[in-house]
Amino acid sequence: MVPSPLLVRLALLWVLAAVAASVWQEVNAAWTVVSALLGATVLGDLFLSTRRLRLEARRQLPASAPLYVWIDVRLHLSNLHRARVSCDAFDHHPPECTVEGLPRALAIPPGGWAEFNYRLRPSSRGDLGFGLLELRVHSPLTLWQRRVRLGEPSILRVYPNFAALTRYALFATDNRLSQMGVLQRRRRGEGLDFDQLREYREGDSQRKIDWKASQRLHKLISREYRDERDQQVVFLVDCGRRMRAKDDDCSHFDHALDATLLLAYVSLRQGDAVGLMTMSGQHLWLAPRKSHAMVNHILNQVYGLQPGLLTSDYHQAAVELSKRLKKRALVVLISNLRDEDDDTLLPALRLLQKRHLVLFASLRERALDETAAAAVEDFEGALTHGAAIEYRLRRDAAFRRLKQGHIVCVDVPPQRLALALVNQYLDVKRSGQL
């Protein structure tokens, strides 16, 4: 129970009246009467505010929410008491969220209910926890406020938000696939993968005839097969400390997940199996599968992953992936290259390259390009500019060494990573390297 702002103002007025009564004795009697009435009123209102409340609260959340997108949260309050309840409602939302519309002043009639929506924008992925709903219930004369907590804790699942990216990325991808002929690129032959039924043609072998379909349609029907093309695309995603860097609202790790999900979707549409492994942090291994539900499976497994504080260990990751992945695959390693990585990264990529086709994707900090392009105005700016240029030259030299080892490399800002990976994947499909 806490005093309301009105009671605080009345107390200040009472103090001023006490000062006046000490100076002018003729108002002393009036001040005494007013003090007694005020005290009785305050105590009476306090007593009434301690009455038993019968309130119920319910929070309605969506099953999931995308990162950095506004959603509505609905709060429903029921008053089972026979008296009207006036209160200010506040929801203990996750600290990783921005909210609009809280607190909210409510007046709930006796035996009635009230509900309202407020807006919430999550800024972190994973399971975000809501606490109890808190009410500041006003006493009948609004001199006191009583704190009441209601409802149940809730969990909101926040997923990576790549919807804005896919609106144009998938459209551009479909256009390019059509131009390349990849969508229609099926080689029919004597493989074991069934493709379709068709009418019998002269020259078809008897083993290709589907006798059940022929009997049902009263004409010869042949089975047509296509060559087996169970190619695999496996993502190796760095969860080390360097992926915590940010160029905008999203971290490099968030952009890496967006790119992984988009390329997984495109790969599955092309009939390839998709798998994923994480490195230098929380360990996760998803064996390659062809199912169209694989994107949702990956999404449900990675939405709560966060980059840790460990240093990226490329060699250990390459050894472990080599043990798990026996069949040739396109291995997409997503990390953030530093010039000091050259001694450990290149041997790891060569180890993977013995059996697999390797695509190394590095996220380049936007601040590096901005610093190198900025005008030099003073000595400190010259030092910063020189350091940025030297760092970029060393980074470019590291990439040249990787390319000399016949390793496909992508070095782009985080915002362009998804499209760059899709384009590189389509180049690999067109070239037939996989």
Protein backbone atom coordinates (compact mmCIF):
# COMPACT_ATOMS: atom_id res chain seq x y z
CA MET A 1 0.00 0.00 0.00
CA VAL A 2 1.47 3.34 -1.07
CA PRO A 3 0.13 6.91 -0.88
CA SER A 4 -1.26 8.28 -4.09
CA PRO A 5 -0.08 11.57 -5.67
CA LEU A 6 -3.28 13.18 -4.36
CA LEU A 7 -2.47 12.17 -0.79
CA VAL A 8 1.07 13.52 -1.16
CA ARG A 9 -0.30 16.90 -2.29
CA LEU A 10 -2.75 16.95 0.62
CA ALA A 11 0.09 16.21 3.02
CA LEU A 12 2.08 19.12 1.65
CA LEU A 13 -0.90 21.42 2.07
CA TRP A 14 -1.35 20.15 5.63
CA VAL A 15 2.30 20.96 6.40
CA LEU A 16 1.88 24.48 4.99
CA ALA A 17 -1.28 24.89 7.08
CA ALA A 18 0.64 23.74 10.16
CA VAL A 19 3.28 26.41 9.52
CA ALA A 20 0.55 29.02 9.14
CA ALA A 21 -1.12 27.85 12.38
CA SER A 22 2.17 28.20 14.26
CA VAL A 23 2.47 31.82 13.09
CA TRP A 24 -1.15 32.92 13.43
CA GLN A 25 -2.67 31.56 16.61
CA GLU A 26 -6.20 32.51 15.53
CA VAL A 27 -6.24 29.73 12.89
CA ASN A 28 -4.85 27.13 15.26
CA ALA A 29 -8.28 25.80 16.22
CA ALA A 30 -9.41 25.53 12.59
CA TRP A 31 -6.21 23.73 11.68
CA THR A 32 -6.81 21.22 14.50
CA VAL A 33 -10.33 20.46 13.24
CA VAL A 34 -9.16 20.13 9.63
CA SER A 35 -6.32 17.85 10.73
CA ALA A 36 -8.70 15.59 12.59
CA LEU A 37 -11.07 15.39 9.62
CA LEU A 38 -8.22 14.77 7.22
CA GLY A 39 -6.72 12.09 9.43
CA ALA A 40 -10.07 10.34 9.81
CA THR A 41 -10.62 10.49 6.04
CA VAL A 42 -7.19 9.13 5.25
CA LEU A 43 -7.50 6.30 7.76
CA GLY A 44 -11.02 5.45 6.62
CA ASP A 45 -9.93 5.36 2.99
CA LEU A 46 -6.99 3.18 3.99
CA PHE A 47 -9.32 0.75 5.75
CA LEU A 48 -11.65 0.55 2.75
CA SER A 49 -8.74 -0.05 0.39
CA THR A 50 -7.77 -3.20 2.29
CA ARG A 51 -10.97 -4.96 1.33
CA ARG A 52 -10.58 -8.30 -0.34
CA LEU A 53 -10.33 -8.04 -4.12
CA ARG A 54 -11.56 -10.69 -6.49
CA LEU A 55 -9.79 -10.01 -9.74
CA GLU A 56 -8.65 -12.30 -12.53
CA ALA A 57 -6.23 -11.54 -15.36
CA ARG A 58 -5.43 -13.28 -18.65
CA ARG A 59 -2.75 -12.47 -21.18
CA GLN A 60 -3.15 -13.38 -24.86
CA LEU A 61 0.05 -13.73 -26.86
CA PRO A 62 0.68 -14.93 -30.41
CA ALA A 63 2.30 -18.35 -30.66
CA SER A 64 5.46 -16.74 -32.01
CA ALA A 65 6.79 -13.37 -33.07
CA PRO A 66 9.38 -12.25 -35.63
CA LEU A 67 12.40 -10.27 -34.52
CA TYR A 68 12.06 -6.45 -34.64
CA VAL A 69 8.39 -6.55 -35.66
CA TRP A 70 5.58 -4.93 -33.66
CA ILE A 71 2.95 -7.33 -32.30
CA ASP A 72 -0.19 -6.84 -30.19
CA VAL A 73 -0.54 -8.25 -26.68
CA ARG A 74 -4.04 -8.37 -25.20
CA LEU A 75 -4.76 -8.21 -21.47
CA HIS A 76 -8.17 -9.22 -20.11
CA LEU A 77 -9.19 -8.30 -16.54
CA SER A 78 -12.32 -9.59 -14.78
CA ASN A 79 -13.81 -8.02 -11.62
CA LEU A 80 -15.69 -10.60 -9.53
CA HIS A 81 -16.24 -8.11 -6.71
CA ARG A 82 -19.47 -6.21 -6.07
CA ALA A 83 -17.73 -2.84 -6.15
CA ARG A 84 -16.19 -0.88 -9.00
CA VAL A 85 -12.41 -1.16 -9.29
CA SER A 86 -10.24 1.67 -10.61
CA CYS A 87 -6.64 0.83 -11.34
CA ASP A 88 -3.55 1.39 -13.45
CA ALA A 89 -2.45 -1.79 -15.26
CA PHE A 90 1.14 -2.61 -16.17
CA ASP A 91 2.47 -5.81 -17.71
CA HIS A 92 5.92 -7.10 -16.72
CA HIS A 93 7.12 -7.68 -20.28
CA PRO A 94 10.60 -9.01 -21.16
CA PRO A 95 13.34 -6.37 -20.83
CA GLU A 96 14.49 -7.19 -24.38
CA CYS A 97 11.29 -5.62 -25.76
CA THR A 98 10.13 -2.11 -26.55
CA VAL A 99 6.49 -1.40 -25.65
CA GLU A 100 3.85 1.17 -26.40
CA GLY A 101 0.58 1.63 -24.50
CA LEU A 102 1.65 0.90 -20.91
CA PRO A 103 0.59 1.58 -18.21
CA ARG A 104 -3.15 1.81 -18.87
CA ALA A 105 -5.82 3.38 -16.61
CA LEU A 106 -8.89 1.15 -16.23
CA ALA A 107 -12.27 1.29 -14.53
CA ILE A 108 -13.79 -2.19 -14.18
CA PRO A 109 -17.50 -2.30 -13.26
CA PRO A 110 -18.74 -4.69 -10.57
CA GLY A 111 -19.10 -8.16 -12.01
CA GLY A 112 -17.72 -6.87 -15.33
CA TRP A 113 -14.49 -6.97 -17.27
CA ALA A 114 -12.10 -4.77 -19.22
CA GLU A 115 -9.46 -5.53 -21.81
CA PHE A 116 -6.94 -3.60 -23.84
CA ASN A 117 -4.06 -4.14 -26.27
CA TYR A 118 -0.56 -2.81 -26.11
CA ARG A 119 2.19 -3.04 -28.69
CA LEU A 120 5.45 -4.90 -28.20
CA ARG A 121 8.60 -5.11 -30.35
CA PRO A 122 11.14 -7.84 -29.46
CA SER A 123 14.82 -7.03 -30.03
CA SER A 124 16.24 -10.45 -29.15
CA ARG A 125 15.56 -13.97 -30.39
CA GLY A 126 14.70 -16.95 -28.21
CA ASP A 127 12.21 -17.64 -25.42
CA LEU A 128 11.32 -14.31 -23.79
CA GLY A 129 9.58 -14.51 -20.43
CA PHE A 130 6.66 -12.40 -19.20
CA GLY A 131 6.09 -11.94 -15.47
CA LEU A 132 2.81 -11.33 -13.69
CA LEU A 133 0.46 -8.48 -14.51
CA GLU A 134 0.74 -5.67 -11.96
CA LEU A 135 -2.18 -3.45 -10.92
CA ARG A 136 -2.13 -0.25 -8.86
CA VAL A 137 -5.68 -0.37 -7.44
CA HIS A 138 -7.01 2.99 -6.25
CA SER A 139 -8.81 3.32 -2.92
CA PRO A 140 -12.41 4.64 -3.00
CA LEU A 141 -11.21 8.24 -2.40
CA THR A 142 -8.05 7.69 -4.50
CA LEU A 143 -5.83 8.54 -1.53
CA TRP A 144 -4.05 5.17 -1.56
CA GLN A 145 -2.77 2.75 -4.18
CA ARG A 146 -2.64 -0.94 -3.56
CA ARG A 147 -0.22 -3.11 -5.53
CA VAL A 148 -1.75 -6.35 -6.78
CA ARG A 149 -0.13 -8.98 -9.02
CA LEU A 150 -2.29 -11.28 -11.12
CA GLY A 151 -2.19 -13.77 -13.94
CA GLU A 152 0.43 -16.31 -14.96
CA PRO A 153 3.93 -16.06 -16.42
CA SER A 154 4.10 -16.50 -20.21
CA ILE A 155 6.74 -17.32 -22.79
CA LEU A 156 6.98 -15.66 -26.21
CA ARG A 157 9.02 -17.45 -28.88
CA VAL A 158 10.86 -14.91 -31.02
CA TYR A 159 12.12 -16.19 -34.38
CA PRO A 160 14.50 -14.66 -36.92
CA ASN A 161 12.68 -12.27 -39.20
CA PHE A 162 13.64 -12.83 -42.80
CA ALA A 163 10.21 -12.13 -44.32
CA ALA A 164 11.20 -8.66 -45.54
CA LEU A 165 14.27 -10.13 -47.20
CA THR A 166 12.46 -13.01 -48.89
CA ARG A 167 9.86 -10.70 -50.47
CA TYR A 168 12.35 -9.63 -53.10
CA ALA A 169 15.09 -12.22 -52.66
CA LEU A 170 12.87 -15.17 -53.56
CA PHE A 171 11.31 -13.26 -56.42
CA ALA A 172 14.74 -12.49 -57.83
CA THR A 173 15.81 -16.08 -57.19
CA ASP A 174 12.84 -17.52 -59.08
CA ASN A 175 13.52 -15.22 -62.01
CA ARG A 176 17.14 -16.28 -62.16
CA LEU A 177 16.29 -19.96 -61.77
CA SER A 178 13.88 -19.71 -64.68
CA GLN A 179 16.47 -17.93 -66.83
CA MET A 180 19.07 -20.57 -66.00
CA GLY A 181 16.65 -23.42 -66.56
CA VAL A 182 17.40 -24.86 -63.13
CA LEU A 183 13.74 -25.22 -62.21
CA GLN A 184 13.15 -27.46 -65.19
CA ARG A 185 16.54 -29.12 -65.14
CA ARG A 186 15.68 -32.77 -64.61
CA ARG A 187 17.61 -35.51 -66.30
CA ARG A 188 15.31 -38.42 -66.98
CA GLY A 189 16.92 -41.78 -67.32
CA GLU A 190 17.18 -45.21 -65.77
CA GLY A 191 17.81 -44.03 -62.23
CA LEU A 192 15.89 -45.26 -59.22
CA ASP A 193 13.92 -42.05 -58.46
CA PHE A 194 10.36 -42.33 -59.83
CA ASP A 195 9.31 -39.24 -61.79
CA GLN A 196 5.94 -39.78 -63.51
CA LEU A 197 3.59 -42.09 -65.43
CA ARG A 198 3.10 -41.73 -69.18
CA GLU A 199 1.69 -43.64 -72.11
CA TYR A 200 3.74 -46.53 -73.44
CA ARG A 201 6.07 -45.62 -76.27
CA GLU A 202 7.58 -47.96 -78.80
CA GLY A 203 10.95 -49.06 -77.55
CA ASP A 204 10.09 -48.92 -73.82
CA SER A 205 11.32 -52.01 -71.97
CA GLN A 206 8.78 -54.30 -70.34
CA ARG A 207 10.16 -53.64 -66.88
CA LYS A 208 9.08 -49.99 -67.22
CA ILE A 209 5.40 -50.92 -67.76
CA ASP A 210 3.11 -50.24 -64.80
CA TRP A 211 0.68 -53.15 -65.11
CA LYS A 212 -1.74 -51.94 -62.45
CA ALA A 213 -2.11 -48.52 -64.08
CA SER A 214 -2.38 -50.18 -67.50
CA GLN A 215 -5.20 -52.44 -66.30
CA ARG A 216 -7.03 -49.51 -64.72
CA LEU A 217 -6.78 -47.29 -67.82
CA HIS A 218 -7.11 -50.14 -70.38
CA LYS A 219 -3.92 -49.11 -72.18
CA LEU A 220 -0.21 -49.58 -71.64
CA ILE A 221 1.31 -47.14 -69.15
CA SER A 222 5.05 -46.80 -68.55
CA ARG A 223 6.91 -45.54 -65.53
CA GLU A 224 9.48 -42.80 -66.08
CA TYR A 225 12.44 -42.36 -63.79
CA ARG A 226 14.98 -39.63 -63.27
CA ASP A 227 18.61 -39.89 -62.31
CA GLU A 228 19.31 -39.80 -58.62
CA ARG A 229 20.43 -36.28 -57.60
CA ASP A 230 20.48 -36.34 -53.83
CA GLN A 231 22.97 -33.51 -53.42
CA GLN A 232 23.57 -32.08 -49.98
CA VAL A 233 24.01 -28.54 -48.70
CA VAL A 234 25.36 -28.36 -45.15
CA PHE A 235 25.74 -25.09 -43.22
CA LEU A 236 28.55 -24.64 -40.72
CA VAL A 237 27.62 -21.53 -38.71
CA ASP A 238 30.07 -19.79 -36.41
CA CYS A 239 28.64 -19.02 -32.94
CA GLY A 240 31.85 -17.43 -31.65
CA ARG A 241 32.29 -14.01 -30.10
CA ARG A 242 33.06 -12.16 -33.33
CA MET A 243 29.51 -12.91 -34.55
CA ARG A 244 28.20 -10.66 -31.76
CA ALA A 245 29.24 -7.58 -33.78
CA LYS A 246 26.45 -5.27 -34.97
CA ASP A 247 26.17 -2.95 -37.94
CA ASP A 248 22.46 -2.25 -37.43
CA ASP A 249 19.75 -3.55 -35.09
CA CYS A 250 20.69 -7.14 -35.91
CA SER A 251 23.95 -8.84 -34.99
CA HIS A 252 26.13 -10.59 -37.56
CA PHE A 253 24.81 -13.85 -36.15
CA ASP A 254 21.22 -12.78 -36.86
CA HIS A 255 22.15 -12.01 -40.47
CA ALA A 256 23.91 -15.38 -40.70
CA LEU A 257 20.74 -17.17 -39.57
CA ASP A 258 18.63 -15.20 -42.06
CA ALA A 259 20.96 -16.18 -44.89
CA THR A 260 21.02 -19.81 -43.76
CA LEU A 261 17.23 -20.07 -43.70
CA LEU A 262 16.82 -18.44 -47.09
CA LEU A 263 19.44 -20.60 -48.81
CA ALA A 264 18.02 -23.71 -47.11
CA TYR A 265 14.61 -22.86 -48.56
CA VAL A 266 16.04 -22.36 -52.06
CA SER A 267 18.13 -25.55 -51.85
CA LEU A 268 15.17 -27.66 -50.79
CA ARG A 269 13.15 -26.30 -53.70
CA GLN A 270 15.91 -27.56 -55.96
CA GLY A 271 15.65 -31.05 -54.50
CA ASP A 272 18.84 -30.91 -52.41
CA ALA A 273 19.11 -32.21 -48.86
CA VAL A 274 19.90 -29.57 -46.23
CA GLY A 275 21.75 -29.93 -42.91
CA LEU A 276 23.34 -27.67 -40.32
CA MET A 277 26.07 -27.69 -37.69
CA THR A 278 27.18 -24.93 -35.30
CA MET A 279 30.71 -24.28 -34.07
CA SER A 280 32.47 -22.39 -31.25
CA GLY A 281 29.43 -22.22 -29.01
CA GLN A 282 26.30 -24.21 -28.30
CA HIS A 283 26.65 -27.43 -30.29
CA LEU A 284 23.90 -28.31 -32.74
CA TRP A 285 23.88 -30.95 -35.47
CA LEU A 286 21.01 -31.45 -37.90
CA ALA A 287 21.65 -34.26 -40.37
CA PRO A 288 20.87 -33.44 -44.02
CA ARG A 289 17.29 -34.11 -45.06
CA LYS A 290 15.25 -33.42 -48.19
CA SER A 291 11.92 -32.78 -46.51
CA HIS A 292 10.24 -29.44 -47.19
CA ALA A 293 9.58 -29.31 -43.44
CA MET A 294 13.34 -29.00 -42.91
CA VAL A 295 13.21 -25.18 -42.97
CA ASN A 296 10.73 -25.16 -40.10
CA HIS A 297 12.82 -27.78 -38.30
CA ILE A 298 15.94 -25.63 -38.63
CA LEU A 299 14.00 -22.55 -37.56
CA ASN A 300 12.70 -24.25 -34.43
CA GLN A 301 16.19 -25.43 -33.52
CA VAL A 302 18.16 -22.21 -34.08
CA TYR A 303 15.73 -19.47 -33.03
CA GLY A 304 17.11 -19.46 -29.48
CA LEU A 305 20.81 -19.69 -30.38
CA GLN A 306 22.99 -16.76 -29.36
CA PRO A 307 26.67 -16.11 -30.15
CA GLY A 308 28.91 -16.86 -27.17
CA LEU A 309 32.29 -15.65 -25.97
CA LEU A 310 34.47 -18.45 -27.36
CA THR A 311 37.09 -17.97 -30.04
CA SER A 312 36.30 -19.57 -33.40
CA ASP A 313 37.97 -22.98 -33.71
CA TYR A 314 37.82 -23.82 -37.41
CA HIS A 315 40.01 -26.92 -37.26
CA GLN A 316 37.96 -28.64 -34.59
CA ALA A 317 34.76 -27.85 -36.48
CA ALA A 318 36.21 -29.21 -39.73
CA VAL A 319 37.33 -32.44 -38.05
CA GLU A 320 33.94 -32.98 -36.44
CA LEU A 321 31.98 -32.23 -39.60
CA SER A 322 34.23 -34.56 -41.61
CA LYS A 323 33.42 -37.38 -39.20
CA ARG A 324 29.68 -36.78 -39.48
CA LEU A 325 29.43 -36.03 -43.19
CA LYS A 326 30.57 -38.96 -45.33
CA LYS A 327 28.79 -38.07 -48.56
CA ARG A 328 30.02 -35.26 -50.81
CA ALA A 329 28.26 -31.99 -50.06
CA LEU A 330 28.40 -28.25 -50.51
CA VAL A 331 29.66 -27.01 -47.11
CA VAL A 332 28.76 -23.37 -46.47
CA LEU A 333 30.91 -21.96 -43.65
CA ILE A 334 29.59 -18.62 -42.36
CA SER A 335 31.94 -16.62 -40.14
CA ASN A 336 33.78 -13.30 -39.89
CA LEU A 337 37.30 -13.46 -41.30
CA ARG A 338 40.22 -11.81 -39.53
CA ASP A 339 43.72 -11.68 -40.94
CA GLU A 340 44.97 -13.65 -37.93
CA ASP A 341 42.66 -16.55 -38.91
CA ASP A 342 44.70 -17.42 -41.95
CA ASP A 343 46.92 -19.96 -40.14
CA THR A 344 43.95 -21.96 -38.82
CA LEU A 345 41.19 -21.30 -41.34
CA LEU A 346 42.99 -22.39 -44.52
CA PRO A 347 44.03 -25.84 -43.16
CA ALA A 348 40.48 -26.42 -41.92
CA LEU A 349 38.98 -25.54 -45.29
CA ARG A 350 41.50 -27.77 -47.07
CA LEU A 351 40.52 -30.63 -44.79
CA LEU A 352 36.87 -30.20 -45.78
CA GLN A 353 37.87 -29.72 -49.40
CA LYS A 354 39.25 -33.26 -49.63
CA ARG A 355 35.71 -34.61 -49.92
CA HIS A 356 33.39 -31.62 -50.20
CA LEU A 357 32.91 -28.44 -52.17
CA VAL A 358 33.52 -25.57 -49.73
CA LEU A 359 31.94 -22.11 -49.80
CA PHE A 360 33.36 -19.69 -47.22
CA ALA A 361 31.15 -16.67 -46.47
CA SER A 362 32.53 -13.80 -44.40
CA LEU A 363 30.59 -10.85 -43.04
CA ARG A 364 32.42 -7.57 -43.57
CA GLU A 365 31.86 -4.79 -41.04
CA ARG A 366 30.22 -1.74 -42.56
CA ALA A 367 32.25 0.46 -40.19
CA LEU A 368 35.45 -0.71 -41.92
CA ASP A 369 34.29 0.53 -45.33
CA GLU A 370 32.92 3.77 -43.87
CA THR A 371 36.19 4.49 -42.03
CA ALA A 372 38.29 3.80 -45.10
CA ALA A 373 36.08 6.04 -47.25
CA ALA A 374 35.82 8.91 -44.73
CA ALA A 375 37.67 12.17 -45.35
CA VAL A 376 40.80 12.75 -43.25
CA GLU A 377 40.58 16.02 -41.31
CA ASP A 378 43.11 15.70 -38.50
CA PHE A 379 46.01 13.59 -37.25
CA GLU A 380 43.80 11.22 -35.27
CA GLY A 381 41.61 10.73 -38.34
CA ALA A 382 44.71 9.98 -40.41
CA LEU A 383 45.79 7.29 -37.97
CA THR A 384 42.32 5.72 -37.99
CA HIS A 385 42.17 5.88 -41.79
CA GLY A 386 45.60 4.28 -42.14
CA ALA A 387 44.73 1.50 -39.70
CA ALA A 388 41.51 0.76 -41.59
CA ILE A 389 43.30 0.63 -44.93
CA GLU A 390 46.03 -1.65 -43.55
CA TYR A 391 43.44 -3.96 -41.98
CA ARG A 392 41.48 -4.17 -45.21
CA LEU A 393 44.64 -4.93 -47.22
CA ARG A 394 45.52 -7.78 -44.85
CA ARG A 395 41.98 -9.08 -45.06
CA ASP A 396 42.03 -8.94 -48.88
CA ALA A 397 45.38 -10.78 -48.89
CA ALA A 398 43.85 -13.52 -46.70
CA PHE A 399 41.00 -13.91 -49.17
CA ARG A 400 43.43 -14.12 -52.10
CA ARG A 401 45.21 -16.97 -50.37
CA LEU A 402 41.91 -18.77 -49.87
CA LYS A 403 40.98 -18.34 -53.52
CA GLN A 404 44.40 -19.59 -54.61
CA GLY A 405 43.47 -22.78 -52.76
CA HIS A 406 40.41 -23.06 -55.06
CA ILE A 407 38.02 -22.19 -52.23
CA VAL A 408 34.89 -20.28 -53.20
CA CYS A 409 34.68 -17.11 -51.06
CA VAL A 410 32.05 -14.48 -50.39
CA ASP A 411 32.95 -11.25 -48.54
CA VAL A 412 29.98 -8.91 -48.20
CA PRO A 413 28.28 -6.66 -45.63
CA PRO A 414 25.83 -8.57 -43.40
CA GLN A 415 22.78 -7.04 -45.10
CA ARG A 416 23.83 -8.54 -48.47
CA LEU A 417 24.88 -11.96 -47.22
CA ALA A 418 21.65 -13.82 -48.02
CA LEU A 419 21.49 -12.75 -51.65
CA ALA A 420 25.21 -13.35 -52.13
CA LEU A 421 24.92 -16.93 -50.86
CA VAL A 422 21.90 -17.66 -53.04
CA ASN A 423 23.68 -16.33 -56.12
CA GLN A 424 26.82 -18.35 -55.36
CA TYR A 425 24.75 -21.49 -54.80
CA LEU A 426 23.03 -21.03 -58.15
CA ASP A 427 26.42 -20.60 -59.82
CA VAL A 428 27.50 -23.90 -58.30
CA LYS A 429 24.31 -25.57 -59.55
CA ARG A 430 24.81 -24.20 -63.03
CA SER A 431 28.45 -25.27 -63.19
CA GLY A 432 27.66 -28.82 -62.05
CA GLN A 433 30.52 -28.81 -59.51
CA LEU A 434 28.39 -30.43 -56.82
